mmCIF file of all heavy atoms, coordinates in Angstrom:
data_MODEL
# 
_entry.id   MODEL 
# 
loop_
_atom_site.group_PDB 
_atom_site.id 
_atom_site.type_symbol 
_atom_site.label_atom_id 
_atom_site.label_alt_id 
_atom_site.label_comp_id 
_atom_site.label_asym_id 
_atom_site.label_entity_id 
_atom_site.label_seq_id 
_atom_site.pdbx_PDB_ins_code 
_atom_site.Cartn_x 
_atom_site.Cartn_y 
_atom_site.Cartn_z 
_atom_site.occupancy 
_atom_site.B_iso_or_equiv 
_atom_site.pdbx_formal_charge 
_atom_site.auth_seq_id 
_atom_site.auth_comp_id 
_atom_site.auth_asym_id 
_atom_site.auth_atom_id 
_atom_site.pdbx_PDB_model_num 
ATOM 1   N N   . ILE A 1 1  ? -9.325  39.436 44.139 1.00 0.00 ? 1  ILE A N   1 
ATOM 2   C CA  . ILE A 1 1  ? -9.993  40.444 43.371 1.00 0.00 ? 1  ILE A CA  1 
ATOM 3   C C   . ILE A 1 1  ? -10.267 41.547 44.348 1.00 0.00 ? 1  ILE A C   1 
ATOM 4   O O   . ILE A 1 1  ? -11.101 41.357 45.270 1.00 0.00 ? 1  ILE A O   1 
ATOM 5   C CB  . ILE A 1 1  ? -11.240 39.884 42.672 1.00 0.00 ? 1  ILE A CB  1 
ATOM 6   C CG1 . ILE A 1 1  ? -10.899 38.816 41.753 1.00 0.00 ? 1  ILE A CG1 1 
ATOM 7   C CG2 . ILE A 1 1  ? -11.984 41.082 42.006 1.00 0.00 ? 1  ILE A CG2 1 
ATOM 8   C CD1 . ILE A 1 1  ? -12.169 38.080 41.192 1.00 0.00 ? 1  ILE A CD1 1 
ATOM 9   N N   . CYS A 1 2  ? -9.674  42.744 44.154 1.00 0.00 ? 2  CYS A N   1 
ATOM 10  C CA  . CYS A 1 2  ? -9.737  43.799 45.218 1.00 0.00 ? 2  CYS A CA  1 
ATOM 11  C C   . CYS A 1 2  ? -10.919 44.667 44.996 1.00 0.00 ? 2  CYS A C   1 
ATOM 12  O O   . CYS A 1 2  ? -10.846 45.917 45.007 1.00 0.00 ? 2  CYS A O   1 
ATOM 13  C CB  . CYS A 1 2  ? -8.456  44.645 45.175 1.00 0.00 ? 2  CYS A CB  1 
ATOM 14  S SG  . CYS A 1 2  ? -6.998  43.689 45.530 1.00 0.00 ? 2  CYS A SG  1 
ATOM 15  N N   . THR A 1 3  ? -12.130 44.070 44.880 1.00 0.00 ? 3  THR A N   1 
ATOM 16  C CA  . THR A 1 3  ? -13.361 44.749 44.699 1.00 0.00 ? 3  THR A CA  1 
ATOM 17  C C   . THR A 1 3  ? -14.513 43.707 44.910 1.00 0.00 ? 3  THR A C   1 
ATOM 18  O O   . THR A 1 3  ? -14.334 42.583 44.511 1.00 0.00 ? 3  THR A O   1 
ATOM 19  C CB  . THR A 1 3  ? -13.512 45.368 43.324 1.00 0.00 ? 3  THR A CB  1 
ATOM 20  O OG1 . THR A 1 3  ? -14.890 45.627 43.010 1.00 0.00 ? 3  THR A OG1 1 
ATOM 21  C CG2 . THR A 1 3  ? -12.961 44.532 42.197 1.00 0.00 ? 3  THR A CG2 1 
ATOM 22  N N   . ASN A 1 4  ? -15.552 44.126 45.582 1.00 0.00 ? 4  ASN A N   1 
ATOM 23  C CA  . ASN A 1 4  ? -16.666 43.193 45.766 1.00 0.00 ? 4  ASN A CA  1 
ATOM 24  C C   . ASN A 1 4  ? -17.416 42.950 44.463 1.00 0.00 ? 4  ASN A C   1 
ATOM 25  O O   . ASN A 1 4  ? -17.763 41.833 44.100 1.00 0.00 ? 4  ASN A O   1 
ATOM 26  C CB  . ASN A 1 4  ? -17.595 43.711 46.815 1.00 0.00 ? 4  ASN A CB  1 
ATOM 27  C CG  . ASN A 1 4  ? -17.100 43.660 48.232 1.00 0.00 ? 4  ASN A CG  1 
ATOM 28  O OD1 . ASN A 1 4  ? -17.252 42.696 48.939 1.00 0.00 ? 4  ASN A OD1 1 
ATOM 29  N ND2 . ASN A 1 4  ? -16.373 44.713 48.663 1.00 0.00 ? 4  ASN A ND2 1 
ATOM 30  N N   . THR A 1 5  ? -17.713 44.005 43.743 1.00 0.00 ? 5  THR A N   1 
ATOM 31  C CA  . THR A 1 5  ? -18.543 43.937 42.560 1.00 0.00 ? 5  THR A CA  1 
ATOM 32  C C   . THR A 1 5  ? -18.029 42.925 41.543 1.00 0.00 ? 5  THR A C   1 
ATOM 33  O O   . THR A 1 5  ? -18.775 42.122 40.947 1.00 0.00 ? 5  THR A O   1 
ATOM 34  C CB  . THR A 1 5  ? -18.689 45.302 41.859 1.00 0.00 ? 5  THR A CB  1 
ATOM 35  O OG1 . THR A 1 5  ? -19.370 46.234 42.783 1.00 0.00 ? 5  THR A OG1 1 
ATOM 36  C CG2 . THR A 1 5  ? -19.474 45.221 40.625 1.00 0.00 ? 5  THR A CG2 1 
ATOM 37  N N   . MET A 1 6  ? -16.736 42.936 41.298 1.00 0.00 ? 6  MET A N   1 
ATOM 38  C CA  . MET A 1 6  ? -16.137 42.092 40.276 1.00 0.00 ? 6  MET A CA  1 
ATOM 39  C C   . MET A 1 6  ? -15.989 40.612 40.730 1.00 0.00 ? 6  MET A C   1 
ATOM 40  O O   . MET A 1 6  ? -15.530 39.727 39.942 1.00 0.00 ? 6  MET A O   1 
ATOM 41  C CB  . MET A 1 6  ? -14.823 42.628 39.753 1.00 0.00 ? 6  MET A CB  1 
ATOM 42  C CG  . MET A 1 6  ? -14.992 43.997 39.166 1.00 0.00 ? 6  MET A CG  1 
ATOM 43  S SD  . MET A 1 6  ? -16.198 44.152 37.835 1.00 0.00 ? 6  MET A SD  1 
ATOM 44  C CE  . MET A 1 6  ? -15.200 43.628 36.426 1.00 0.00 ? 6  MET A CE  1 
ATOM 45  N N   . HIS A 1 7  ? -16.510 40.273 41.934 1.00 0.00 ? 7  HIS A N   1 
ATOM 46  C CA  . HIS A 1 7  ? -16.681 38.869 42.271 1.00 0.00 ? 7  HIS A CA  1 
ATOM 47  C C   . HIS A 1 7  ? -17.840 38.252 41.500 1.00 0.00 ? 7  HIS A C   1 
ATOM 48  O O   . HIS A 1 7  ? -18.124 37.064 41.712 1.00 0.00 ? 7  HIS A O   1 
ATOM 49  C CB  . HIS A 1 7  ? -16.826 38.707 43.832 1.00 0.00 ? 7  HIS A CB  1 
ATOM 50  C CG  . HIS A 1 7  ? -15.470 38.748 44.496 1.00 0.00 ? 7  HIS A CG  1 
ATOM 51  N ND1 . HIS A 1 7  ? -14.748 39.886 44.656 1.00 0.00 ? 7  HIS A ND1 1 
ATOM 52  C CD2 . HIS A 1 7  ? -14.727 37.807 45.012 1.00 0.00 ? 7  HIS A CD2 1 
ATOM 53  C CE1 . HIS A 1 7  ? -13.604 39.627 45.291 1.00 0.00 ? 7  HIS A CE1 1 
ATOM 54  N NE2 . HIS A 1 7  ? -13.569 38.294 45.528 1.00 0.00 ? 7  HIS A NE2 1 
ATOM 55  N N   . ARG A 1 8  ? -18.579 39.099 40.804 1.00 0.00 ? 8  ARG A N   1 
ATOM 56  C CA  . ARG A 1 8  ? -19.614 38.601 39.916 1.00 0.00 ? 8  ARG A CA  1 
ATOM 57  C C   . ARG A 1 8  ? -19.079 37.505 39.000 1.00 0.00 ? 8  ARG A C   1 
ATOM 58  O O   . ARG A 1 8  ? -19.796 36.552 38.635 1.00 0.00 ? 8  ARG A O   1 
ATOM 59  C CB  . ARG A 1 8  ? -20.194 39.715 39.043 1.00 0.00 ? 8  ARG A CB  1 
ATOM 60  C CG  . ARG A 1 8  ? -21.412 39.357 38.218 1.00 0.00 ? 8  ARG A CG  1 
ATOM 61  C CD  . ARG A 1 8  ? -21.864 40.561 37.467 1.00 0.00 ? 8  ARG A CD  1 
ATOM 62  N NE  . ARG A 1 8  ? -23.214 40.497 36.859 1.00 0.00 ? 8  ARG A NE  1 
ATOM 63  C CZ  . ARG A 1 8  ? -23.507 39.808 35.793 1.00 0.00 ? 8  ARG A CZ  1 
ATOM 64  N NH1 . ARG A 1 8  ? -22.520 39.222 35.031 1.00 0.00 ? 8  ARG A NH1 1 
ATOM 65  N NH2 . ARG A 1 8  ? -24.729 39.772 35.306 1.00 0.00 ? 8  ARG A NH2 1 
ATOM 66  N N   . MET A 1 9  ? -17.757 37.607 38.607 1.00 0.00 ? 9  MET A N   1 
ATOM 67  C CA  . MET A 1 9  ? -17.225 36.578 37.749 1.00 0.00 ? 9  MET A CA  1 
ATOM 68  C C   . MET A 1 9  ? -16.115 35.756 38.397 1.00 0.00 ? 9  MET A C   1 
ATOM 69  O O   . MET A 1 9  ? -15.247 35.184 37.793 1.00 0.00 ? 9  MET A O   1 
ATOM 70  C CB  . MET A 1 9  ? -16.634 37.246 36.479 1.00 0.00 ? 9  MET A CB  1 
ATOM 71  C CG  . MET A 1 9  ? -15.582 38.258 36.717 1.00 0.00 ? 9  MET A CG  1 
ATOM 72  S SD  . MET A 1 9  ? -16.156 39.904 37.211 1.00 0.00 ? 9  MET A SD  1 
ATOM 73  C CE  . MET A 1 9  ? -17.094 40.422 35.746 1.00 0.00 ? 9  MET A CE  1 
ATOM 74  N N   . ALA A 1 10 ? -16.208 35.686 39.780 1.00 0.00 ? 10 ALA A N   1 
ATOM 75  C CA  . ALA A 1 10 ? -15.196 34.980 40.521 1.00 0.00 ? 10 ALA A CA  1 
ATOM 76  C C   . ALA A 1 10 ? -15.058 33.524 40.123 1.00 0.00 ? 10 ALA A C   1 
ATOM 77  O O   . ALA A 1 10 ? -13.968 32.962 39.989 1.00 0.00 ? 10 ALA A O   1 
ATOM 78  C CB  . ALA A 1 10 ? -15.454 35.045 41.990 1.00 0.00 ? 10 ALA A CB  1 
ATOM 79  N N   . ASP A 1 11 ? -16.167 32.836 39.858 1.00 0.00 ? 11 ASP A N   1 
ATOM 80  C CA  . ASP A 1 11 ? -16.122 31.423 39.489 1.00 0.00 ? 11 ASP A CA  1 
ATOM 81  C C   . ASP A 1 11 ? -15.441 31.211 38.129 1.00 0.00 ? 11 ASP A C   1 
ATOM 82  O O   . ASP A 1 11 ? -14.600 30.326 37.958 1.00 0.00 ? 11 ASP A O   1 
ATOM 83  C CB  . ASP A 1 11 ? -17.524 30.850 39.409 1.00 0.00 ? 11 ASP A CB  1 
ATOM 84  C CG  . ASP A 1 11 ? -18.131 30.684 40.826 1.00 0.00 ? 11 ASP A CG  1 
ATOM 85  O OD1 . ASP A 1 11 ? -17.458 30.750 41.773 1.00 0.00 ? 11 ASP A OD1 1 
ATOM 86  O OD2 . ASP A 1 11 ? -19.400 30.522 40.851 1.00 0.00 ? 11 ASP A OD2 1 
ATOM 87  N N   . GLN A 1 12 ? -15.664 32.143 37.193 1.00 0.00 ? 12 GLN A N   1 
ATOM 88  C CA  . GLN A 1 12 ? -15.003 32.001 35.831 1.00 0.00 ? 12 GLN A CA  1 
ATOM 89  C C   . GLN A 1 12 ? -13.547 32.332 35.981 1.00 0.00 ? 12 GLN A C   1 
ATOM 90  O O   . GLN A 1 12 ? -12.732 31.681 35.307 1.00 0.00 ? 12 GLN A O   1 
ATOM 91  C CB  . GLN A 1 12 ? -15.661 32.970 34.918 1.00 0.00 ? 12 GLN A CB  1 
ATOM 92  C CG  . GLN A 1 12 ? -17.123 32.690 34.548 1.00 0.00 ? 12 GLN A CG  1 
ATOM 93  C CD  . GLN A 1 12 ? -18.079 33.551 35.380 1.00 0.00 ? 12 GLN A CD  1 
ATOM 94  O OE1 . GLN A 1 12 ? -17.961 33.636 36.596 1.00 0.00 ? 12 GLN A OE1 1 
ATOM 95  N NE2 . GLN A 1 12 ? -19.049 34.156 34.676 1.00 0.00 ? 12 GLN A NE2 1 
ATOM 96  N N   . VAL A 1 13 ? -13.200 33.251 36.810 1.00 0.00 ? 13 VAL A N   1 
ATOM 97  C CA  . VAL A 1 13 ? -11.743 33.564 37.027 1.00 0.00 ? 13 VAL A CA  1 
ATOM 98  C C   . VAL A 1 13 ? -11.065 32.385 37.655 1.00 0.00 ? 13 VAL A C   1 
ATOM 99  O O   . VAL A 1 13 ? -10.000 31.956 37.227 1.00 0.00 ? 13 VAL A O   1 
ATOM 100 C CB  . VAL A 1 13 ? -11.577 34.837 37.883 1.00 0.00 ? 13 VAL A CB  1 
ATOM 101 C CG1 . VAL A 1 13 ? -10.092 35.012 38.240 1.00 0.00 ? 13 VAL A CG1 1 
ATOM 102 C CG2 . VAL A 1 13 ? -12.162 36.068 37.139 1.00 0.00 ? 13 VAL A CG2 1 
ATOM 103 N N   . GLN A 1 14 ? -11.685 31.839 38.713 1.00 0.00 ? 14 GLN A N   1 
ATOM 104 C CA  . GLN A 1 14 ? -11.070 30.650 39.337 1.00 0.00 ? 14 GLN A CA  1 
ATOM 105 C C   . GLN A 1 14 ? -10.890 29.437 38.422 1.00 0.00 ? 14 GLN A C   1 
ATOM 106 O O   . GLN A 1 14 ? -9.824  28.793 38.414 1.00 0.00 ? 14 GLN A O   1 
ATOM 107 C CB  . GLN A 1 14 ? -11.937 30.199 40.548 1.00 0.00 ? 14 GLN A CB  1 
ATOM 108 C CG  . GLN A 1 14 ? -11.383 28.952 41.268 1.00 0.00 ? 14 GLN A CG  1 
ATOM 109 C CD  . GLN A 1 14 ? -10.046 29.188 41.918 1.00 0.00 ? 14 GLN A CD  1 
ATOM 110 O OE1 . GLN A 1 14 ? -9.960  29.612 43.080 1.00 0.00 ? 14 GLN A OE1 1 
ATOM 111 N NE2 . GLN A 1 14 ? -8.924  28.919 41.245 1.00 0.00 ? 14 GLN A NE2 1 
ATOM 112 N N   . ALA A 1 15 ? -11.851 29.291 37.516 1.00 0.00 ? 15 ALA A N   1 
ATOM 113 C CA  . ALA A 1 15 ? -11.751 28.169 36.529 1.00 0.00 ? 15 ALA A CA  1 
ATOM 114 C C   . ALA A 1 15 ? -10.615 28.340 35.512 1.00 0.00 ? 15 ALA A C   1 
ATOM 115 O O   . ALA A 1 15 ? -10.166 27.360 34.959 1.00 0.00 ? 15 ALA A O   1 
ATOM 116 C CB  . ALA A 1 15 ? -13.082 27.970 35.838 1.00 0.00 ? 15 ALA A CB  1 
ATOM 117 N N   . ALA A 1 16 ? -10.224 29.598 35.324 1.00 0.00 ? 16 ALA A N   1 
ATOM 118 C CA  . ALA A 1 16 ? -9.177  29.876 34.331 1.00 0.00 ? 16 ALA A CA  1 
ATOM 119 C C   . ALA A 1 16 ? -7.772  29.864 34.847 1.00 0.00 ? 16 ALA A C   1 
ATOM 120 O O   . ALA A 1 16 ? -6.826  29.978 34.021 1.00 0.00 ? 16 ALA A O   1 
ATOM 121 C CB  . ALA A 1 16 ? -9.500  31.276 33.694 1.00 0.00 ? 16 ALA A CB  1 
ATOM 122 N N   . ILE A 1 17 ? -7.551  29.637 36.118 1.00 0.00 ? 17 ILE A N   1 
ATOM 123 C CA  . ILE A 1 17 ? -6.254  29.632 36.709 1.00 0.00 ? 17 ILE A CA  1 
ATOM 124 C C   . ILE A 1 17 ? -6.078  28.426 37.619 1.00 0.00 ? 17 ILE A C   1 
ATOM 125 O O   . ILE A 1 17 ? -7.081  27.857 38.065 1.00 0.00 ? 17 ILE A O   1 
ATOM 126 C CB  . ILE A 1 17 ? -5.921  30.964 37.509 1.00 0.00 ? 17 ILE A CB  1 
ATOM 127 C CG1 . ILE A 1 17 ? -6.986  31.183 38.653 1.00 0.00 ? 17 ILE A CG1 1 
ATOM 128 C CG2 . ILE A 1 17 ? -5.887  32.147 36.589 1.00 0.00 ? 17 ILE A CG2 1 
ATOM 129 C CD1 . ILE A 1 17 ? -6.679  32.340 39.562 1.00 0.00 ? 17 ILE A CD1 1 
ATOM 130 N N   . SER A 1 18 ? -4.882  28.079 37.878 1.00 0.00 ? 18 SER A N   1 
ATOM 131 C CA  . SER A 1 18 ? -4.579  26.895 38.780 1.00 0.00 ? 18 SER A CA  1 
ATOM 132 C C   . SER A 1 18 ? -4.327  27.357 40.218 1.00 0.00 ? 18 SER A C   1 
ATOM 133 O O   . SER A 1 18 ? -4.188  26.504 41.098 1.00 0.00 ? 18 SER A O   1 
ATOM 134 C CB  . SER A 1 18 ? -3.406  26.139 38.254 1.00 0.00 ? 18 SER A CB  1 
ATOM 135 O OG  . SER A 1 18 ? -2.262  26.930 38.207 1.00 0.00 ? 18 SER A OG  1 
ATOM 136 N N   . LEU A 1 19 ? -4.288  28.689 40.468 1.00 0.00 ? 19 LEU A N   1 
ATOM 137 C CA  . LEU A 1 19 ? -4.083  29.174 41.810 1.00 0.00 ? 19 LEU A CA  1 
ATOM 138 C C   . LEU A 1 19 ? -5.389  29.337 42.562 1.00 0.00 ? 19 LEU A C   1 
ATOM 139 O O   . LEU A 1 19 ? -6.446  29.501 41.957 1.00 0.00 ? 19 LEU A O   1 
ATOM 140 C CB  . LEU A 1 19 ? -3.460  30.592 41.772 1.00 0.00 ? 19 LEU A CB  1 
ATOM 141 C CG  . LEU A 1 19 ? -2.279  30.823 40.903 1.00 0.00 ? 19 LEU A CG  1 
ATOM 142 C CD1 . LEU A 1 19 ? -1.870  32.314 40.906 1.00 0.00 ? 19 LEU A CD1 1 
ATOM 143 C CD2 . LEU A 1 19 ? -1.118  29.968 41.323 1.00 0.00 ? 19 LEU A CD2 1 
ATOM 144 N N   . PRO A 1 20 ? -5.366  29.234 43.871 1.00 0.00 ? 20 PRO A N   1 
ATOM 145 C CA  . PRO A 1 20 ? -6.616  29.552 44.674 1.00 0.00 ? 20 PRO A CA  1 
ATOM 146 C C   . PRO A 1 20 ? -6.964  31.017 44.577 1.00 0.00 ? 20 PRO A C   1 
ATOM 147 O O   . PRO A 1 20 ? -6.147  31.890 44.655 1.00 0.00 ? 20 PRO A O   1 
ATOM 148 C CB  . PRO A 1 20 ? -6.280  29.114 46.066 1.00 0.00 ? 20 PRO A CB  1 
ATOM 149 C CG  . PRO A 1 20 ? -4.793  29.242 46.167 1.00 0.00 ? 20 PRO A CG  1 
ATOM 150 C CD  . PRO A 1 20 ? -4.265  28.893 44.788 1.00 0.00 ? 20 PRO A CD  1 
ATOM 151 N N   . LEU A 1 21 ? -8.297  31.251 44.368 1.00 0.00 ? 21 LEU A N   1 
ATOM 152 C CA  . LEU A 1 21 ? -8.834  32.619 44.421 1.00 0.00 ? 21 LEU A CA  1 
ATOM 153 C C   . LEU A 1 21 ? -9.520  32.779 45.788 1.00 0.00 ? 21 LEU A C   1 
ATOM 154 O O   . LEU A 1 21 ? -10.442 31.998 46.113 1.00 0.00 ? 21 LEU A O   1 
ATOM 155 C CB  . LEU A 1 21 ? -9.892  32.812 43.312 1.00 0.00 ? 21 LEU A CB  1 
ATOM 156 C CG  . LEU A 1 21 ? -10.643 34.126 43.322 1.00 0.00 ? 21 LEU A CG  1 
ATOM 157 C CD1 . LEU A 1 21 ? -9.669  35.270 42.878 1.00 0.00 ? 21 LEU A CD1 1 
ATOM 158 C CD2 . LEU A 1 21 ? -11.796 34.054 42.339 1.00 0.00 ? 21 LEU A CD2 1 
ATOM 159 N N   . LEU A 1 22 ? -9.076  33.722 46.561 1.00 0.00 ? 22 LEU A N   1 
ATOM 160 C CA  . LEU A 1 22 ? -9.678  33.957 47.870 1.00 0.00 ? 22 LEU A CA  1 
ATOM 161 C C   . LEU A 1 22 ? -10.851 34.858 47.705 1.00 0.00 ? 22 LEU A C   1 
ATOM 162 O O   . LEU A 1 22 ? -10.724 36.071 47.482 1.00 0.00 ? 22 LEU A O   1 
ATOM 163 C CB  . LEU A 1 22 ? -8.621  34.639 48.809 1.00 0.00 ? 22 LEU A CB  1 
ATOM 164 C CG  . LEU A 1 22 ? -9.115  34.925 50.233 1.00 0.00 ? 22 LEU A CG  1 
ATOM 165 C CD1 . LEU A 1 22 ? -9.610  33.673 50.978 1.00 0.00 ? 22 LEU A CD1 1 
ATOM 166 C CD2 . LEU A 1 22 ? -7.996  35.575 51.033 1.00 0.00 ? 22 LEU A CD2 1 
ATOM 167 N N   . HIS A 1 23 ? -12.085 34.333 47.810 1.00 0.00 ? 23 HIS A N   1 
ATOM 168 C CA  . HIS A 1 23 ? -13.319 35.063 47.599 1.00 0.00 ? 23 HIS A CA  1 
ATOM 169 C C   . HIS A 1 23 ? -13.562 35.994 48.771 1.00 0.00 ? 23 HIS A C   1 
ATOM 170 O O   . HIS A 1 23 ? -13.543 35.585 49.922 1.00 0.00 ? 23 HIS A O   1 
ATOM 171 C CB  . HIS A 1 23 ? -14.475 34.095 47.423 1.00 0.00 ? 23 HIS A CB  1 
ATOM 172 C CG  . HIS A 1 23 ? -15.708 34.693 46.850 1.00 0.00 ? 23 HIS A CG  1 
ATOM 173 N ND1 . HIS A 1 23 ? -16.440 35.618 47.501 1.00 0.00 ? 23 HIS A ND1 1 
ATOM 174 C CD2 . HIS A 1 23 ? -16.371 34.479 45.635 1.00 0.00 ? 23 HIS A CD2 1 
ATOM 175 C CE1 . HIS A 1 23 ? -17.509 35.978 46.732 1.00 0.00 ? 23 HIS A CE1 1 
ATOM 176 N NE2 . HIS A 1 23 ? -17.420 35.290 45.627 1.00 0.00 ? 23 HIS A NE2 1 
ATOM 177 N N   . ILE A 1 24 ? -13.855 37.243 48.445 1.00 0.00 ? 24 ILE A N   1 
ATOM 178 C CA  . ILE A 1 24 ? -13.978 38.250 49.510 1.00 0.00 ? 24 ILE A CA  1 
ATOM 179 C C   . ILE A 1 24 ? -15.123 37.994 50.491 1.00 0.00 ? 24 ILE A C   1 
ATOM 180 O O   . ILE A 1 24 ? -15.059 38.382 51.646 1.00 0.00 ? 24 ILE A O   1 
ATOM 181 C CB  . ILE A 1 24 ? -14.134 39.667 48.912 1.00 0.00 ? 24 ILE A CB  1 
ATOM 182 C CG1 . ILE A 1 24 ? -13.921 40.790 49.894 1.00 0.00 ? 24 ILE A CG1 1 
ATOM 183 C CG2 . ILE A 1 24 ? -15.486 39.849 48.121 1.00 0.00 ? 24 ILE A CG2 1 
ATOM 184 C CD1 . ILE A 1 24 ? -13.737 42.168 49.239 1.00 0.00 ? 24 ILE A CD1 1 
ATOM 185 N N   . ALA A 1 25 ? -16.180 37.335 50.025 1.00 0.00 ? 25 ALA A N   1 
ATOM 186 C CA  . ALA A 1 25 ? -17.342 37.109 50.887 1.00 0.00 ? 25 ALA A CA  1 
ATOM 187 C C   . ALA A 1 25 ? -17.076 36.030 51.939 1.00 0.00 ? 25 ALA A C   1 
ATOM 188 O O   . ALA A 1 25 ? -17.705 36.022 52.976 1.00 0.00 ? 25 ALA A O   1 
ATOM 189 C CB  . ALA A 1 25 ? -18.544 36.630 50.066 1.00 0.00 ? 25 ALA A CB  1 
ATOM 190 N N   . ASP A 1 26 ? -16.151 35.085 51.665 1.00 0.00 ? 26 ASP A N   1 
ATOM 191 C CA  . ASP A 1 26 ? -15.940 33.971 52.569 1.00 0.00 ? 26 ASP A CA  1 
ATOM 192 C C   . ASP A 1 26 ? -15.333 34.329 53.884 1.00 0.00 ? 26 ASP A C   1 
ATOM 193 O O   . ASP A 1 26 ? -15.937 34.004 54.969 1.00 0.00 ? 26 ASP A O   1 
ATOM 194 C CB  . ASP A 1 26 ? -15.156 32.880 51.854 1.00 0.00 ? 26 ASP A CB  1 
ATOM 195 C CG  . ASP A 1 26 ? -15.911 32.214 50.707 1.00 0.00 ? 26 ASP A CG  1 
ATOM 196 O OD1 . ASP A 1 26 ? -17.170 32.304 50.699 1.00 0.00 ? 26 ASP A OD1 1 
ATOM 197 O OD2 . ASP A 1 26 ? -15.344 31.652 49.841 1.00 0.00 ? 26 ASP A OD2 1 
ATOM 198 N N   . PRO A 1 27 ? -14.184 35.058 53.926 1.00 0.00 ? 27 PRO A N   1 
ATOM 199 C CA  . PRO A 1 27 ? -13.651 35.393 55.282 1.00 0.00 ? 27 PRO A CA  1 
ATOM 200 C C   . PRO A 1 27 ? -14.592 36.380 55.988 1.00 0.00 ? 27 PRO A C   1 
ATOM 201 O O   . PRO A 1 27 ? -14.648 36.361 57.251 1.00 0.00 ? 27 PRO A O   1 
ATOM 202 C CB  . PRO A 1 27 ? -12.303 35.987 54.950 1.00 0.00 ? 27 PRO A CB  1 
ATOM 203 C CG  . PRO A 1 27 ? -12.344 36.411 53.510 1.00 0.00 ? 27 PRO A CG  1 
ATOM 204 C CD  . PRO A 1 27 ? -13.287 35.380 52.859 1.00 0.00 ? 27 PRO A CD  1 
ATOM 205 N N   . THR A 1 28 ? -15.328 37.201 55.235 1.00 0.00 ? 28 THR A N   1 
ATOM 206 C CA  . THR A 1 28 ? -16.233 38.121 55.866 1.00 0.00 ? 28 THR A CA  1 
ATOM 207 C C   . THR A 1 28 ? -17.367 37.294 56.600 1.00 0.00 ? 28 THR A C   1 
ATOM 208 O O   . THR A 1 28 ? -17.742 37.571 57.727 1.00 0.00 ? 28 THR A O   1 
ATOM 209 C CB  . THR A 1 28 ? -16.865 39.035 54.827 1.00 0.00 ? 28 THR A CB  1 
ATOM 210 O OG1 . THR A 1 28 ? -15.809 39.804 54.205 1.00 0.00 ? 28 THR A OG1 1 
ATOM 211 C CG2 . THR A 1 28 ? -17.860 40.012 55.428 1.00 0.00 ? 28 THR A CG2 1 
# 
């Protein structure tokens, strides 16, 4: 997700797909 703000729904997005979602906060 190429924006910090829309990581508000990162968990819901991850739950809806079988691919890994790379959360922007983690590598930072």
